[in-house]
Amino acid sequence: MAIATGVMLLVLCVEMVLKYGFGIAGSVGTFLATAHGWVYFVYLFTVADLWSKLRWPLGRLVVLLLCGVVPFLSFWAERRVVADVRAGRSGPSVPSTPGARA
């Protein structure tokens, strides 16, 4: 979802630059804005679900949510999260039995 959100945001930014910077009015602007909004909405739920499953700190959730708003940042976030999960840095360790210490 981070890649889809990033691509939609970049396409929307290009459309906005063409429209407001050069006066080239495209007929797909409203569609792009709506599509990006829905894709970002799904991205929010995906990040929140991942955050809760991996038990990350609240600050990481906020950073990941904002990564879908800044162009190119969602691509960085995608690579960082995948690298962290593959390296085993997905969150605090969970005890295997109730009452056991991690």
PDB file of N, CA and C in Angstrom:
ATOM      1  N   MET A   1       0.820  -1.192   0.000  1.00  0.00           N
ATOM      2  CA  MET A   1       0.000   0.000   0.000  1.00  0.00           C
ATOM      3  C   MET A   1       0.865   1.257   0.000  1.00  0.00           C
ATOM      4  N   ALA A   2       2.047   1.192   0.578  1.00  0.00           N
ATOM      5  CA  ALA A   2       2.919   2.368   0.589  1.00  0.00           C
ATOM      6  C   ALA A   2       3.341   2.743  -0.825  1.00  0.00           C
ATOM      7  N   ILE A   3       3.621   1.755  -1.650  1.00  0.00           N
ATOM      8  CA  ILE A   3       4.020   2.031  -3.025  1.00  0.00           C
ATOM      9  C   ILE A   3       2.848   2.594  -3.813  1.00  0.00           C
ATOM     10  N   ALA A   4       1.676   2.010  -3.663  1.00  0.00           N
ATOM     11  CA  ALA A   4       0.491   2.522  -4.357  1.00  0.00           C
ATOM     12  C   ALA A   4       0.175   3.948  -3.914  1.00  0.00           C
ATOM     13  N   THR A   5       0.273   4.209  -2.631  1.00  0.00           N
ATOM     14  CA  THR A   5       0.020   5.556  -2.119  1.00  0.00           C
ATOM     15  C   THR A   5       1.048   6.538  -2.663  1.00  0.00           C
ATOM     16  N   GLY A   6       2.303   6.145  -2.699  1.00  0.00           N
ATOM     17  CA  GLY A   6       3.355   7.017  -3.214  1.00  0.00           C
ATOM     18  C   GLY A   6       3.183   7.331  -4.690  1.00  0.00           C
ATOM     19  N   VAL A   7       2.835   6.324  -5.471  1.00  0.00           N
ATOM     20  CA  VAL A   7       2.626   6.546  -6.901  1.00  0.00           C
ATOM     21  C   VAL A   7       1.443   7.483  -7.128  1.00  0.00           C
ATOM     22  N   MET A   8       0.351   7.237  -6.429  1.00  0.00           N
ATOM     23  CA  MET A   8      -0.821   8.100  -6.575  1.00  0.00           C
ATOM     24  C   MET A   8      -0.501   9.531  -6.158  1.00  0.00           C
ATOM     25  N   LEU A   9       0.269   9.700  -5.105  1.00  0.00           N
ATOM     26  CA  LEU A   9       0.626  11.043  -4.648  1.00  0.00           C
ATOM     27  C   LEU A   9       1.511  11.745  -5.669  1.00  0.00           C
ATOM     28  N   LEU A  10       2.457  11.032  -6.253  1.00  0.00           N
ATOM     29  CA  LEU A  10       3.313  11.642  -7.265  1.00  0.00           C
ATOM     30  C   LEU A  10       2.527  12.045  -8.506  1.00  0.00           C
ATOM     31  N   VAL A  11       1.628  11.193  -8.945  1.00  0.00           N
ATOM     32  CA  VAL A  11       0.791  11.523 -10.105  1.00  0.00           C
ATOM     33  C   VAL A  11      -0.082  12.736  -9.788  1.00  0.00           C
ATOM     34  N   LEU A  12      -0.628  12.778  -8.597  1.00  0.00           N
ATOM     35  CA  LEU A  12      -1.447  13.923  -8.191  1.00  0.00           C
ATOM     36  C   LEU A  12      -0.608  15.199  -8.130  1.00  0.00           C
ATOM     37  N   CYS A  13       0.622  15.108  -7.638  1.00  0.00           N
ATOM     38  CA  CYS A  13       1.505  16.289  -7.583  1.00  0.00           C
ATOM     39  C   CYS A  13       1.829  16.799  -8.982  1.00  0.00           C
ATOM     40  N   VAL A  14       2.111  15.892  -9.912  1.00  0.00           N
ATOM     41  CA  VAL A  14       2.390  16.295 -11.289  1.00  0.00           C
ATOM     42  C   VAL A  14       1.164  16.993 -11.879  1.00  0.00           C
ATOM     43  N   GLU A  15      -0.006  16.443 -11.633  1.00  0.00           N
ATOM     44  CA  GLU A  15      -1.235  17.053 -12.154  1.00  0.00           C
ATOM     45  C   GLU A  15      -1.444  18.442 -11.561  1.00  0.00           C
ATOM     46  N   MET A  16      -1.152  18.611 -10.278  1.00  0.00           N
ATOM     47  CA  MET A  16      -1.317  19.916  -9.630  1.00  0.00           C
ATOM     48  C   MET A  16      -0.315  20.936 -10.175  1.00  0.00           C
ATOM     49  N   VAL A  17       0.926  20.512 -10.411  1.00  0.00           N
ATOM     50  CA  VAL A  17       1.922  21.422 -10.975  1.00  0.00           C
ATOM     51  C   VAL A  17       1.505  21.855 -12.374  1.00  0.00           C
ATOM     52  N   LEU A  18       1.036  20.913 -13.180  1.00  0.00           N
ATOM     53  CA  LEU A  18       0.580  21.262 -14.528  1.00  0.00           C
ATOM     54  C   LEU A  18      -0.621  22.210 -14.483  1.00  0.00           C
ATOM     55  N   LYS A  19      -1.522  21.965 -13.576  1.00  0.00           N
ATOM     56  CA  LYS A  19      -2.735  22.784 -13.498  1.00  0.00           C
ATOM     57  C   LYS A  19      -2.451  24.183 -12.963  1.00  0.00           C
ATOM     58  N   TYR A  20      -1.778  24.283 -11.823  1.00  0.00           N
ATOM     59  CA  TYR A  20      -1.584  25.579 -11.183  1.00  0.00           C
ATOM     60  C   TYR A  20      -0.291  26.274 -11.608  1.00  0.00           C
ATOM     61  N   GLY A  21       0.705  25.527 -12.042  1.00  0.00           N
ATOM     62  CA  GLY A  21       1.965  26.129 -12.436  1.00  0.00           C
ATOM     63  C   GLY A  21       2.000  26.559 -13.893  1.00  0.00           C
ATOM     64  N   PHE A  22       1.355  25.766 -14.743  1.00  0.00           N
ATOM     65  CA  PHE A  22       1.424  26.041 -16.170  1.00  0.00           C
ATOM     66  C   PHE A  22       0.062  26.321 -16.797  1.00  0.00           C
ATOM     67  N   GLY A  23      -0.989  26.251 -16.012  1.00  0.00           N
ATOM     68  CA  GLY A  23      -2.326  26.542 -16.527  1.00  0.00           C
ATOM     69  C   GLY A  23      -2.900  25.469 -17.429  1.00  0.00           C
ATOM     70  N   ILE A  24      -2.310  24.294 -17.387  1.00  0.00           N
ATOM     71  CA  ILE A  24      -2.818  23.189 -18.193  1.00  0.00           C
ATOM     72  C   ILE A  24      -3.854  22.448 -17.356  1.00  0.00           C
ATOM     73  N   ALA A  25      -5.108  22.674 -17.685  1.00  0.00           N
ATOM     74  CA  ALA A  25      -6.195  22.071 -16.902  1.00  0.00           C
ATOM     75  C   ALA A  25      -6.469  20.671 -17.420  1.00  0.00           C
ATOM     76  N   GLY A  26      -6.233  19.690 -16.579  1.00  0.00           N
ATOM     77  CA  GLY A  26      -6.529  18.312 -16.935  1.00  0.00           C
ATOM     78  C   GLY A  26      -7.931  17.937 -16.478  1.00  0.00           C
ATOM     79  N   SER A  27      -8.521  17.019 -17.167  1.00  0.00           N
ATOM     80  CA  SER A  27      -9.880  16.606 -16.813  1.00  0.00           C
ATOM     81  C   SER A  27      -9.892  15.484 -15.781  1.00  0.00           C
ATOM     82  N   VAL A  28      -8.729  15.016 -15.372  1.00  0.00           N
ATOM     83  CA  VAL A  28      -8.671  13.892 -14.444  1.00  0.00           C
ATOM     84  C   VAL A  28      -8.307  14.317 -13.024  1.00  0.00           C
ATOM     85  N   GLY A  29      -8.187  15.613 -12.774  1.00  0.00           N
ATOM     86  CA  GLY A  29      -7.753  16.111 -11.468  1.00  0.00           C
ATOM     87  C   GLY A  29      -8.625  15.670 -10.322  1.00  0.00           C
ATOM     88  N   THR A  30      -9.922  15.793 -10.470  1.00  0.00           N
ATOM     89  CA  THR A  30     -10.838  15.395  -9.403  1.00  0.00           C
ATOM     90  C   THR A  30     -10.778  13.888  -9.173  1.00  0.00           C
ATOM     91  N   PHE A  31     -10.697  13.138 -10.265  1.00  0.00           N
ATOM     92  CA  PHE A  31     -10.603  11.683 -10.143  1.00  0.00           C
ATOM     93  C   PHE A  31      -9.319  11.287  -9.417  1.00  0.00           C
ATOM     94  N   LEU A  32      -8.190  11.912  -9.785  1.00  0.00           N
ATOM     95  CA  LEU A  32      -6.920  11.594  -9.136  1.00  0.00           C
ATOM     96  C   LEU A  32      -6.947  11.915  -7.648  1.00  0.00           C
ATOM     97  N   ALA A  33      -7.510  13.061  -7.308  1.00  0.00           N
ATOM     98  CA  ALA A  33      -7.574  13.448  -5.896  1.00  0.00           C
ATOM     99  C   ALA A  33      -8.433  12.465  -5.108  1.00  0.00           C
ATOM    100  N   THR A  34      -9.553  12.079  -5.672  1.00  0.00           N
ATOM    101  CA  THR A  34     -10.436  11.121  -4.988  1.00  0.00           C
ATOM    102  C   THR A  34      -9.776   9.749  -4.878  1.00  0.00           C
ATOM    103  N   ALA A  35      -9.149   9.307  -5.963  1.00  0.00           N
ATOM    104  CA  ALA A  35      -8.481   7.996  -5.946  1.00  0.00           C
ATOM    105  C   ALA A  35      -7.349   7.982  -4.933  1.00  0.00           C
ATOM    106  N   HIS A  36      -6.549   9.047  -4.893  1.00  0.00           N
ATOM    107  CA  HIS A  36      -5.466   9.100  -3.921  1.00  0.00           C
ATOM    108  C   HIS A  36      -6.024   9.099  -2.498  1.00  0.00           C
ATOM    109  N   GLY A  37      -7.116   9.811  -2.292  1.00  0.00           N
ATOM    110  CA  GLY A  37      -7.736   9.828  -0.959  1.00  0.00           C
ATOM    111  C   GLY A  37      -8.145   8.441  -0.493  1.00  0.00           C
ATOM    112  N   TRP A  38      -8.746   7.668  -1.375  1.00  0.00           N
ATOM    113  CA  TRP A  38      -9.163   6.316  -1.009  1.00  0.00           C
ATOM    114  C   TRP A  38      -7.966   5.389  -0.813  1.00  0.00           C
ATOM    115  N   VAL A  39      -6.972   5.515  -1.665  1.00  0.00           N
ATOM    116  CA  VAL A  39      -5.774   4.679  -1.512  1.00  0.00           C
ATOM    117  C   VAL A  39      -5.066   5.025  -0.205  1.00  0.00           C
ATOM    118  N   TYR A  40      -4.991   6.307   0.127  1.00  0.00           N
ATOM    119  CA  TYR A  40      -4.369   6.712   1.391  1.00  0.00           C
ATOM    120  C   TYR A  40      -5.180   6.205   2.582  1.00  0.00           C
ATOM    121  N   PHE A  41      -6.488   6.197   2.459  1.00  0.00           N
ATOM    122  CA  PHE A  41      -7.355   5.684   3.522  1.00  0.00           C
ATOM    123  C   PHE A  41      -7.063   4.208   3.784  1.00  0.00           C
ATOM    124  N   VAL A  42      -6.918   3.419   2.731  1.00  0.00           N
ATOM    125  CA  VAL A  42      -6.569   1.999   2.878  1.00  0.00           C
ATOM    126  C   VAL A  42      -5.154   1.872   3.460  1.00  0.00           C
ATOM    127  N   TYR A  43      -4.246   2.751   3.045  1.00  0.00           N
ATOM    128  CA  TYR A  43      -2.886   2.771   3.590  1.00  0.00           C
ATOM    129  C   TYR A  43      -2.914   3.005   5.102  1.00  0.00           C
ATOM    130  N   LEU A  44      -3.756   3.928   5.558  1.00  0.00           N
ATOM    131  CA  LEU A  44      -3.871   4.197   6.993  1.00  0.00           C
ATOM    132  C   LEU A  44      -4.274   2.941   7.761  1.00  0.00           C
ATOM    133  N   PHE A  45      -5.273   2.236   7.259  1.00  0.00           N
ATOM    134  CA  PHE A  45      -5.708   1.009   7.927  1.00  0.00           C
ATOM    135  C   PHE A  45      -4.624  -0.065   7.882  1.00  0.00           C
ATOM    136  N   THR A  46      -3.907  -0.158   6.777  1.00  0.00           N
ATOM    137  CA  THR A  46      -2.844  -1.148   6.657  1.00  0.00           C
ATOM    138  C   THR A  46      -1.719  -0.866   7.655  1.00  0.00           C
ATOM    139  N   VAL A  47      -1.324   0.399   7.762  1.00  0.00           N
ATOM    140  CA  VAL A  47      -0.262   0.772   8.703  1.00  0.00           C
ATOM    141  C   VAL A  47      -0.717   0.545  10.146  1.00  0.00           C
ATOM    142  N   ALA A  48      -1.952   0.911  10.449  1.00  0.00           N
ATOM    143  CA  ALA A  48      -2.462   0.713  11.810  1.00  0.00           C
ATOM    144  C   ALA A  48      -2.508  -0.772  12.169  1.00  0.00           C
ATOM    145  N   ASP A  49      -2.895  -1.605  11.218  1.00  0.00           N
ATOM    146  CA  ASP A  49      -2.939  -3.047  11.462  1.00  0.00           C
ATOM    147  C   ASP A  49      -1.528  -3.600  11.680  1.00  0.00           C
ATOM    148  N   LEU A  50      -0.592  -3.201  10.842  1.00  0.00           N
ATOM    149  CA  LEU A  50       0.786  -3.648  10.990  1.00  0.00           C
ATOM    150  C   LEU A  50       1.365  -3.173  12.312  1.00  0.00           C
ATOM    151  N   TRP A  51       1.097  -1.928  12.663  1.00  0.00           N
ATOM    152  CA  TRP A  51       1.589  -1.353  13.921  1.00  0.00           C
ATOM    153  C   TRP A  51       1.077  -2.142  15.125  1.00  0.00           C
ATOM    154  N   SER A  52      -0.196  -2.491  15.109  1.00  0.00           N
ATOM    155  CA  SER A  52      -0.752  -3.218  16.256  1.00  0.00           C
ATOM    156  C   SER A  52      -0.222  -4.649  16.328  1.00  0.00           C
ATOM    157  N   LYS A  53      -0.024  -5.288  15.194  1.00  0.00           N
ATOM    158  CA  LYS A  53       0.478  -6.663  15.199  1.00  0.00           C
ATOM    159  C   LYS A  53       1.946  -6.749  15.618  1.00  0.00           C
ATOM    160  N   LEU A  54       2.733  -5.750  15.219  1.00  0.00           N
ATOM    161  CA  LEU A  54       4.164  -5.781  15.535  1.00  0.00           C
ATOM    162  C   LEU A  54       4.509  -5.048  16.819  1.00  0.00           C
ATOM    163  N   ARG A  55       3.521  -4.418  17.436  1.00  0.00           N
ATOM    164  CA  ARG A  55       3.679  -3.736  18.725  1.00  0.00           C
ATOM    165  C   ARG A  55       4.787  -2.683  18.695  1.00  0.00           C
ATOM    166  N   TRP A  56       4.742  -1.846  17.662  1.00  0.00           N
ATOM    167  CA  TRP A  56       5.693  -0.760  17.543  1.00  0.00           C
ATOM    168  C   TRP A  56       5.302   0.386  18.460  1.00  0.00           C
ATOM    169  N   PRO A  57       6.227   1.282  18.777  1.00  0.00           N
ATOM    170  CA  PRO A  57       5.886   2.460  19.587  1.00  0.00           C
ATOM    171  C   PRO A  57       4.967   3.412  18.804  1.00  0.00           C
ATOM    172  N   LEU A  58       4.250   4.241  19.532  1.00  0.00           N
ATOM    173  CA  LEU A  58       3.292   5.157  18.925  1.00  0.00           C
ATOM    174  C   LEU A  58       3.963   6.136  17.963  1.00  0.00           C
ATOM    175  N   GLY A  59       5.171   6.556  18.265  1.00  0.00           N
ATOM    176  CA  GLY A  59       5.893   7.475  17.388  1.00  0.00           C
ATOM    177  C   GLY A  59       6.115   6.901  15.996  1.00  0.00           C
ATOM    178  N   ARG A  60       6.377   5.612  15.925  1.00  0.00           N
ATOM    179  CA  ARG A  60       6.583   4.974  14.618  1.00  0.00           C
ATOM    180  C   ARG A  60       5.290   4.955  13.818  1.00  0.00           C
ATOM    181  N   LEU A  61       4.164   4.761  14.489  1.00  0.00           N
ATOM    182  CA  LEU A  61       2.868   4.813  13.808  1.00  0.00           C
ATOM    183  C   LEU A  61       2.651   6.187  13.194  1.00  0.00           C
ATOM    184  N   VAL A  62       2.905   7.226  13.959  1.00  0.00           N
ATOM    185  CA  VAL A  62       2.700   8.588  13.474  1.00  0.00           C
ATOM    186  C   VAL A  62       3.597   8.873  12.266  1.00  0.00           C
ATOM    187  N   VAL A  63       4.855   8.476  12.344  1.00  0.00           N
ATOM    188  CA  VAL A  63       5.780   8.698  11.232  1.00  0.00           C
ATOM    189  C   VAL A  63       5.307   7.956   9.986  1.00  0.00           C
ATOM    190  N   LEU A  64       4.900   6.711  10.137  1.00  0.00           N
ATOM    191  CA  LEU A  64       4.442   5.941   8.984  1.00  0.00           C
ATOM    192  C   LEU A  64       3.155   6.510   8.397  1.00  0.00           C
ATOM    193  N   LEU A  65       2.273   7.015   9.225  1.00  0.00           N
ATOM    194  CA  LEU A  65       1.043   7.625   8.710  1.00  0.00           C
ATOM    195  C   LEU A  65       1.361   8.882   7.906  1.00  0.00           C
ATOM    196  N   LEU A  66       2.319   9.659   8.366  1.00  0.00           N
ATOM    197  CA  LEU A  66       2.691  10.887   7.654  1.00  0.00           C
ATOM    198  C   LEU A  66       3.501  10.606   6.384  1.00  0.00           C
ATOM    199  N   CYS A  67       4.083   9.429   6.285  1.00  0.00           N
ATOM    200  CA  CYS A  67       4.858   9.087   5.093  1.00  0.00           C
ATOM    201  C   CYS A  67       3.986   9.000   3.846  1.00  0.00           C
ATOM    202  N   GLY A  68       2.713   8.808   3.997  1.00  0.00           N
ATOM    203  CA  GLY A  68       1.815   8.769   2.845  1.00  0.00           C
ATOM    204  C   GLY A  68       1.392  10.138   2.379  1.00  0.00           C
ATOM    205  N   VAL A  69       1.851  11.186   3.038  1.00  0.00           N
ATOM    206  CA  VAL A  69       1.459  12.558   2.707  1.00  0.00           C
ATOM    207  C   VAL A  69       2.593  13.300   1.988  1.00  0.00           C
ATOM    208  N   VAL A  70       3.837  12.931   2.259  1.00  0.00           N
ATOM    209  CA  VAL A  70       4.994  13.611   1.685  1.00  0.00           C
ATOM    210  C   VAL A  70       5.481  12.818   0.467  1.00  0.00           C
ATOM    211  N   PRO A  71       5.593  13.474  -0.699  1.00  0.00           N
ATOM    212  CA  PRO A  71       6.052  12.745  -1.895  1.00  0.00           C
ATOM    213  C   PRO A  71       7.401  12.059  -1.665  1.00  0.00           C
ATOM    214  N   PHE A  72       7.537  10.868  -2.179  1.00  0.00           N
ATOM    215  CA  PHE A  72       8.722  10.004  -2.121  1.00  0.00           C
ATOM    216  C   PHE A  72       8.970   9.380  -0.748  1.00  0.00           C
ATOM    217  N   LEU A  73       8.373   9.888   0.300  1.00  0.00           N
ATOM    218  CA  LEU A  73       8.647   9.359   1.635  1.00  0.00           C
ATOM    219  C   LEU A  73       8.018   7.971   1.844  1.00  0.00           C
ATOM    220  N   SER A  74       6.922   7.691   1.168  1.00  0.00           N
ATOM    221  CA  SER A  74       6.299   6.369   1.337  1.00  0.00           C
ATOM    222  C   SER A  74       7.183   5.264   0.772  1.00  0.00           C
ATOM    223  N   PHE A  75       7.961   5.573  -0.271  1.00  0.00           N
ATOM    224  CA  PHE A  75       8.875   4.567  -0.827  1.00  0.00           C
ATOM    225  C   PHE A  75       9.986   4.243   0.168  1.00  0.00           C
ATOM    226  N   TRP A  76      10.502   5.268   0.830  1.00  0.00           N
ATOM    227  CA  TRP A  76      11.518   5.075   1.862  1.00  0.00           C
ATOM    228  C   TRP A  76      10.947   4.248   3.019  1.00  0.00           C
ATOM    229  N   ALA A  77       9.721   4.590   3.430  1.00  0.00           N
ATOM    230  CA  ALA A  77       9.095   3.882   4.551  1.00  0.00           C
ATOM    231  C   ALA A  77       8.889   2.411   4.224  1.00  0.00           C
ATOM    232  N   GLU A  78       8.476   2.125   3.002  1.00  0.00           N
ATOM    233  CA  GLU A  78       8.264   0.735   2.582  1.00  0.00           C
ATOM    234  C   GLU A  78       9.561  -0.061   2.696  1.00  0.00           C
ATOM    235  N   ARG A  79      10.644   0.483   2.173  1.00  0.00           N
ATOM    236  CA  ARG A  79      11.933  -0.223   2.234  1.00  0.00           C
ATOM    237  C   ARG A  79      12.416  -0.391   3.670  1.00  0.00           C
ATOM    238  N   ARG A  80      12.209   0.630   4.486  1.00  0.00           N
ATOM    239  CA  ARG A  80      12.666   0.592   5.879  1.00  0.00           C
ATOM    240  C   ARG A  80      11.895  -0.455   6.681  1.00  0.00           C
ATOM    241  N   VAL A  81      10.585  -0.483   6.515  1.00  0.00           N
ATOM    242  CA  VAL A  81       9.761  -1.445   7.263  1.00  0.00           C
ATOM    243  C   VAL A  81      10.092  -2.864   6.840  1.00  0.00           C
ATOM    244  N   VAL A  82      10.210  -3.103   5.547  1.00  0.00           N
ATOM    245  CA  VAL A  82      10.541  -4.451   5.070  1.00  0.00           C
ATOM    246  C   VAL A  82      11.908  -4.882   5.603  1.00  0.00           C
ATOM    247  N   ALA A  83      12.876  -3.988   5.573  1.00  0.00           N
ATOM    248  CA  ALA A  83      14.222  -4.320   6.077  1.00  0.00           C
ATOM    249  C   ALA A  83      14.186  -4.607   7.575  1.00  0.00           C
ATOM    250  N   ASP A  84      13.444  -3.814   8.333  1.00  0.00           N
ATOM    251  CA  ASP A  84      13.349  -4.029   9.784  1.00  0.00           C
ATOM    252  C   ASP A  84      12.686  -5.363  10.113  1.00  0.00           C
ATOM    253  N   VAL A  85      11.619  -5.680   9.414  1.00  0.00           N
ATOM    254  CA  VAL A  85      10.908  -6.938   9.689  1.00  0.00           C
ATOM    255  C   VAL A  85      11.774  -8.130   9.304  1.00  0.00           C
ATOM    256  N   ARG A  86      12.440  -8.046   8.165  1.00  0.00           N
ATOM    257  CA  ARG A  86      13.316  -9.153   7.740  1.00  0.00           C
ATOM    258  C   ARG A  86      14.501  -9.346   8.690  1.00  0.00           C
ATOM    259  N   ALA A  87      14.971  -8.266   9.284  1.00  0.00           N
ATOM    260  CA  ALA A  87      16.105  -8.347  10.210  1.00  0.00           C
ATOM    261  C   ALA A  87      15.675  -8.719  11.624  1.00  0.00           C
ATOM    262  N   GLY A  88      14.376  -8.887  11.830  1.00  0.00           N
ATOM    263  CA  GLY A  88      13.890  -9.269  13.147  1.00  0.00           C
ATOM    264  C   GLY A  88      13.697  -8.103  14.092  1.00  0.00           C
ATOM    265  N   ARG A  89      13.714  -6.888  13.565  1.00  0.00           N
ATOM    266  CA  ARG A  89      13.503  -5.701  14.398  1.00  0.00           C
ATOM    267  C   ARG A  89      12.056  -5.249  14.299  1.00  0.00           C
ATOM    268  N   SER A  90      11.136  -6.181  14.487  1.00  0.00           N
ATOM    269  CA  SER A  90       9.730  -5.867  14.274  1.00  0.00           C
ATOM    270  C   SER A  90       9.027  -5.360  15.521  1.00  0.00           C
ATOM    271  N   GLY A  91       9.622  -5.421  16.645  1.00  0.00           N
ATOM    272  CA  GLY A  91       8.976  -4.930  17.859  1.00  0.00           C
ATOM    273  C   GLY A  91       9.538  -5.622  19.080  1.00  0.00           C
ATOM    274  N   PRO A  92       8.990  -5.336  20.249  1.00  0.00           N
ATOM    275  CA  PRO A  92       9.482  -5.994  21.457  1.00  0.00           C
ATOM    276  C   PRO A  92       9.190  -7.480  21.410  1.00  0.00           C
ATOM    277  N   SER A  93      10.054  -8.249  22.043  1.00  0.00           N
ATOM    278  CA  SER A  93       9.821  -9.689  22.060  1.00  0.00           C
ATOM    279  C   SER A  93       8.644 -10.018  22.955  1.00  0.00           C
ATOM    280  N   VAL A  94       7.903 -11.015  22.567  1.00  0.00           N
ATOM    281  CA  VAL A  94       6.707 -11.442  23.288  1.00  0.00           C
ATOM    282  C   VAL A  94       7.033 -12.726  24.028  1.00  0.00           C
ATOM    283  N   PRO A  95       6.743 -12.805  25.327  1.00  0.00           N
ATOM    284  CA  PRO A  95       6.999 -14.054  26.056  1.00  0.00           C
ATOM    285  C   PRO A  95       6.193 -15.199  25.472  1.00  0.00           C
ATOM    286  N   SER A  96       6.792 -16.387  25.443  1.00  0.00           N
ATOM    287  CA  SER A  96       6.086 -17.545  24.875  1.00  0.00           C
ATOM    288  C   SER A  96       5.051 -18.105  25.825  1.00  0.00           C
ATOM    289  N   THR A  97       5.234 -17.916  27.125  1.00  0.00           N
ATOM    290  CA  THR A  97       4.245 -18.395  28.090  1.00  0.00           C
ATOM    291  C   THR A  97       3.797 -17.228  28.961  1.00  0.00           C
ATOM    292  N   PRO A  98       2.550 -17.261  29.426  1.00  0.00           N
ATOM    293  CA  PRO A  98       2.093 -16.178  30.303  1.00  0.00           C
ATOM    294  C   PRO A  98       2.950 -16.099  31.568  1.00  0.00           C
ATOM    295  N   GLY A  99       3.328 -14.902  31.904  1.00  0.00           N
ATOM    296  CA  GLY A  99       4.114 -14.692  33.111  1.00  0.00           C
ATOM    297  C   GLY A  99       5.613 -14.830  32.914  1.00  0.00           C
ATOM    298  N   ALA A 100       6.042 -15.345  31.759  1.00  0.00           N
ATOM    299  CA  ALA A 100       7.480 -15.494  31.508  1.00  0.00           C
ATOM    300  C   ALA A 100       8.064 -14.151  31.114  1.00  0.00           C
ATOM    301  N   ARG A 101       9.305 -13.954  31.446  1.00  0.00           N
ATOM    302  CA  ARG A 101       9.972 -12.701  31.092  1.00  0.00           C
ATOM    303  C   ARG A 101      10.642 -12.846  29.727  1.00  0.00           C
ATOM    304  N   ALA A 102      10.628 -11.738  28.993  1.00  0.00           N
ATOM    305  CA  ALA A 102      11.229 -11.750  27.653  1.00  0.00           C
ATOM    306  C   ALA A 102      12.718 -11.567  27.730  1.00  0.00           C
TER     307      ALA A 102
END
